[in-house]
Amino acid sequence: MKKTVKGGFESQLQELEEIVKRLEDGSTPLEESLQLFERGVRLSRDLQKSLQEATLRVTRLLEAEDREVPFEEDASPEENGTS
Protein backbone atom coordinates (compact mmCIF):
# COMPACT_ATOMS: atom_id res chain seq x y z
CA MET A 1 0.00 0.00 0.00
CA LYS A 2 1.28 3.42 -0.95
CA LYS A 3 1.68 6.10 1.69
CA THR A 4 1.09 9.65 0.50
CA VAL A 5 3.04 11.23 3.35
CA LYS A 6 5.89 9.82 5.41
CA GLY A 7 5.25 9.02 9.02
CA GLY A 8 2.17 6.86 9.06
CA PHE A 9 -1.41 7.53 9.95
CA GLU A 10 -0.94 8.06 13.67
CA SER A 11 1.90 10.56 13.33
CA GLN A 12 -0.03 12.47 10.64
CA LEU A 13 -3.08 12.63 12.90
CA GLN A 14 -0.96 13.85 15.79
CA GLU A 15 0.56 16.56 13.59
CA LEU A 16 -2.90 17.66 12.48
CA GLU A 17 -4.07 17.84 16.09
CA GLU A 18 -1.06 20.01 16.96
CA ILE A 19 -1.82 22.33 14.05
CA VAL A 20 -5.44 22.68 15.18
CA LYS A 21 -4.31 23.56 18.71
CA ARG A 22 -1.92 26.21 17.40
CA LEU A 23 -4.58 27.72 15.16
CA GLU A 24 -7.17 27.72 17.94
CA ASP A 25 -4.71 29.45 20.25
CA GLY A 26 -5.00 32.57 18.09
CA SER A 27 -1.52 33.89 18.85
CA THR A 28 0.08 32.66 15.61
CA PRO A 29 0.83 35.41 13.05
CA LEU A 30 -1.40 35.49 9.97
CA GLU A 31 1.16 34.24 7.44
CA GLU A 32 2.20 31.34 9.66
CA SER A 33 -1.47 30.56 10.34
CA LEU A 34 -2.10 30.34 6.59
CA GLN A 35 0.84 27.97 6.16
CA LEU A 36 -0.37 25.85 9.05
CA PHE A 37 -3.88 25.82 7.63
CA GLU A 38 -2.59 24.69 4.22
CA ARG A 39 -0.56 21.92 5.87
CA GLY A 40 -3.60 20.92 7.91
CA VAL A 41 -5.78 20.68 4.81
CA ARG A 42 -3.17 18.47 3.09
CA LEU A 43 -2.91 16.25 6.16
CA SER A 44 -6.68 16.03 6.45
CA ARG A 45 -6.98 14.93 2.83
CA ASP A 46 -4.20 12.37 3.20
CA LEU A 47 -5.78 10.99 6.38
CA GLN A 48 -9.19 10.78 4.73
CA LYS A 49 -7.66 8.92 1.80
CA SER A 50 -5.93 6.50 4.17
CA LEU A 51 -9.21 5.85 5.97
CA GLN A 52 -11.02 5.25 2.69
CA GLU A 53 -8.32 2.80 1.58
CA ALA A 54 -8.51 0.96 4.92
CA THR A 55 -12.31 0.79 4.70
CA LEU A 56 -12.07 -0.62 1.18
CA ARG A 57 -9.56 -3.26 2.30
CA VAL A 58 -11.78 -4.34 5.19
CA THR A 59 -14.84 -4.43 2.92
CA ARG A 60 -13.02 -6.58 0.38
CA LEU A 61 -11.81 -8.97 3.08
CA LEU A 62 -15.29 -9.34 4.51
CA GLU A 63 -16.80 -9.86 1.07
CA ALA A 64 -14.18 -12.49 0.27
CA GLU A 65 -14.94 -14.22 3.57
CA ASP A 66 -18.64 -14.34 2.71
CA ARG A 67 -17.88 -16.10 -0.59
CA GLU A 68 -15.79 -18.86 0.99
CA VAL A 69 -17.45 -22.20 1.60
CA PRO A 70 -17.10 -23.18 5.26
CA PHE A 71 -15.15 -26.37 5.80
CA GLU A 72 -16.41 -28.88 8.32
CA GLU A 73 -14.10 -31.73 9.33
CA ASP A 74 -16.92 -34.22 9.88
CA ALA A 75 -18.71 -33.54 6.58
CA SER A 76 -18.32 -35.89 3.63
CA PRO A 77 -17.30 -34.43 0.21
CA GLU A 78 -20.91 -34.61 -0.98
CA GLU A 79 -22.08 -32.49 1.98
CA ASN A 80 -19.41 -29.84 1.25
CA GLY A 81 -20.36 -29.72 -2.41
CA THR A 82 -17.04 -31.19 -3.53
CA SER A 83 -16.25 -34.56 -5.09
C-alpha atoms as a PDB file:
ATOM      1  CA  MET A   1       0.000   0.000   0.000  1.00  0.00           C
ATOM      2  CA  LYS A   2       1.281   3.418  -0.955  1.00  0.00           C
ATOM      3  CA  LYS A   3       1.679   6.102   1.686  1.00  0.00           C
ATOM      4  CA  THR A   4       1.093   9.647   0.505  1.00  0.00           C
ATOM      5  CA  VAL A   5       3.039  11.234   3.352  1.00  0.00           C
ATOM      6  CA  LYS A   6       5.888   9.819   5.413  1.00  0.00           C
ATOM      7  CA  GLY A   7       5.250   9.018   9.021  1.00  0.00           C
ATOM      8  CA  GLY A   8       2.167   6.857   9.057  1.00  0.00           C
ATOM      9  CA  PHE A   9      -1.410   7.527   9.946  1.00  0.00           C
ATOM     10  CA  GLU A  10      -0.938   8.057  13.674  1.00  0.00           C
ATOM     11  CA  SER A  11       1.896  10.563  13.332  1.00  0.00           C
ATOM     12  CA  GLN A  12      -0.030  12.473  10.644  1.00  0.00           C
ATOM     13  CA  LEU A  13      -3.078  12.628  12.896  1.00  0.00           C
ATOM     14  CA  GLN A  14      -0.961  13.851  15.791  1.00  0.00           C
ATOM     15  CA  GLU A  15       0.561  16.560  13.593  1.00  0.00           C
ATOM     16  CA  LEU A  16      -2.900  17.656  12.476  1.00  0.00           C
ATOM     17  CA  GLU A  17      -4.073  17.845  16.093  1.00  0.00           C
ATOM     18  CA  GLU A  18      -1.060  20.009  16.964  1.00  0.00           C
ATOM     19  CA  ILE A  19      -1.821  22.325  14.045  1.00  0.00           C
ATOM     20  CA  VAL A  20      -5.440  22.678  15.177  1.00  0.00           C
ATOM     21  CA  LYS A  21      -4.305  23.560  18.710  1.00  0.00           C
ATOM     22  CA  ARG A  22      -1.915  26.213  17.397  1.00  0.00           C
ATOM     23  CA  LEU A  23      -4.577  27.723  15.156  1.00  0.00           C
ATOM     24  CA  GLU A  24      -7.168  27.716  17.936  1.00  0.00           C
ATOM     25  CA  ASP A  25      -4.710  29.449  20.249  1.00  0.00           C
ATOM     26  CA  GLY A  26      -4.999  32.565  18.088  1.00  0.00           C
ATOM     27  CA  SER A  27      -1.524  33.891  18.847  1.00  0.00           C
ATOM     28  CA  THR A  28       0.077  32.658  15.608  1.00  0.00           C
ATOM     29  CA  PRO A  29       0.833  35.412  13.052  1.00  0.00           C
ATOM     30  CA  LEU A  30      -1.401  35.487   9.966  1.00  0.00           C
ATOM     31  CA  GLU A  31       1.160  34.240   7.445  1.00  0.00           C
ATOM     32  CA  GLU A  32       2.197  31.345   9.663  1.00  0.00           C
ATOM     33  CA  SER A  33      -1.469  30.562  10.337  1.00  0.00           C
ATOM     34  CA  LEU A  34      -2.102  30.343   6.594  1.00  0.00           C
ATOM     35  CA  GLN A  35       0.845  27.972   6.163  1.00  0.00           C
ATOM     36  CA  LEU A  36      -0.365  25.851   9.050  1.00  0.00           C
ATOM     37  CA  PHE A  37      -3.884  25.823   7.628  1.00  0.00           C
ATOM     38  CA  GLU A  38      -2.593  24.688   4.224  1.00  0.00           C
ATOM     39  CA  ARG A  39      -0.560  21.920   5.865  1.00  0.00           C
ATOM     40  CA  GLY A  40      -3.598  20.919   7.911  1.00  0.00           C
ATOM     41  CA  VAL A  41      -5.777  20.676   4.806  1.00  0.00           C
ATOM     42  CA  ARG A  42      -3.174  18.467   3.089  1.00  0.00           C
ATOM     43  CA  LEU A  43      -2.908  16.248   6.161  1.00  0.00           C
ATOM     44  CA  SER A  44      -6.681  16.029   6.453  1.00  0.00           C
ATOM     45  CA  ARG A  45      -6.984  14.935   2.828  1.00  0.00           C
ATOM     46  CA  ASP A  46      -4.200  12.370   3.201  1.00  0.00           C
ATOM     47  CA  LEU A  47      -5.778  10.985   6.376  1.00  0.00           C
ATOM     48  CA  GLN A  48      -9.187  10.776   4.726  1.00  0.00           C
ATOM     49  CA  LYS A  49      -7.655   8.916   1.795  1.00  0.00           C
ATOM     50  CA  SER A  50      -5.934   6.496   4.172  1.00  0.00           C
ATOM     51  CA  LEU A  51      -9.215   5.846   5.974  1.00  0.00           C
ATOM     52  CA  GLN A  52     -11.021   5.250   2.688  1.00  0.00           C
ATOM     53  CA  GLU A  53      -8.322   2.797   1.583  1.00  0.00           C
ATOM     54  CA  ALA A  54      -8.509   0.958   4.917  1.00  0.00           C
ATOM     55  CA  THR A  55     -12.307   0.792   4.695  1.00  0.00           C
ATOM     56  CA  LEU A  56     -12.069  -0.617   1.180  1.00  0.00           C
ATOM     57  CA  ARG A  57      -9.563  -3.264   2.295  1.00  0.00           C
ATOM     58  CA  VAL A  58     -11.784  -4.339   5.187  1.00  0.00           C
ATOM     59  CA  THR A  59     -14.845  -4.431   2.920  1.00  0.00           C
ATOM     60  CA  ARG A  60     -13.017  -6.580   0.385  1.00  0.00           C
ATOM     61  CA  LEU A  61     -11.810  -8.970   3.078  1.00  0.00           C
ATOM     62  CA  LEU A  62     -15.295  -9.335   4.507  1.00  0.00           C
ATOM     63  CA  GLU A  63     -16.804  -9.862   1.066  1.00  0.00           C
ATOM     64  CA  ALA A  64     -14.181 -12.490   0.270  1.00  0.00           C
ATOM     65  CA  GLU A  65     -14.938 -14.221   3.566  1.00  0.00           C
ATOM     66  CA  ASP A  66     -18.642 -14.342   2.705  1.00  0.00           C
ATOM     67  CA  ARG A  67     -17.883 -16.100  -0.588  1.00  0.00           C
ATOM     68  CA  GLU A  68     -15.785 -18.855   0.994  1.00  0.00           C
ATOM     69  CA  VAL A  69     -17.445 -22.198   1.595  1.00  0.00           C
ATOM     70  CA  PRO A  70     -17.098 -23.181   5.256  1.00  0.00           C
ATOM     71  CA  PHE A  71     -15.153 -26.375   5.800  1.00  0.00           C
ATOM     72  CA  GLU A  72     -16.412 -28.878   8.324  1.00  0.00           C
ATOM     73  CA  GLU A  73     -14.104 -31.730   9.330  1.00  0.00           C
ATOM     74  CA  ASP A  74     -16.923 -34.223   9.882  1.00  0.00           C
ATOM     75  CA  ALA A  75     -18.709 -33.543   6.581  1.00  0.00           C
ATOM     76  CA  SER A  76     -18.323 -35.886   3.626  1.00  0.00           C
ATOM     77  CA  PRO A  77     -17.299 -34.435   0.206  1.00  0.00           C
ATOM     78  CA  GLU A  78     -20.909 -34.605  -0.977  1.00  0.00           C
ATOM     79  CA  GLU A  79     -22.078 -32.487   1.975  1.00  0.00           C
ATOM     80  CA  ASN A  80     -19.409 -29.844   1.248  1.00  0.00           C
ATOM     81  CA  GLY A  81     -20.359 -29.717  -2.410  1.00  0.00           C
ATOM     82  CA  THR A  82     -17.037 -31.191  -3.535  1.00  0.00           C
ATOM     83  CA  SER A  83     -16.253 -34.564  -5.090  1.00  0.00           C
END
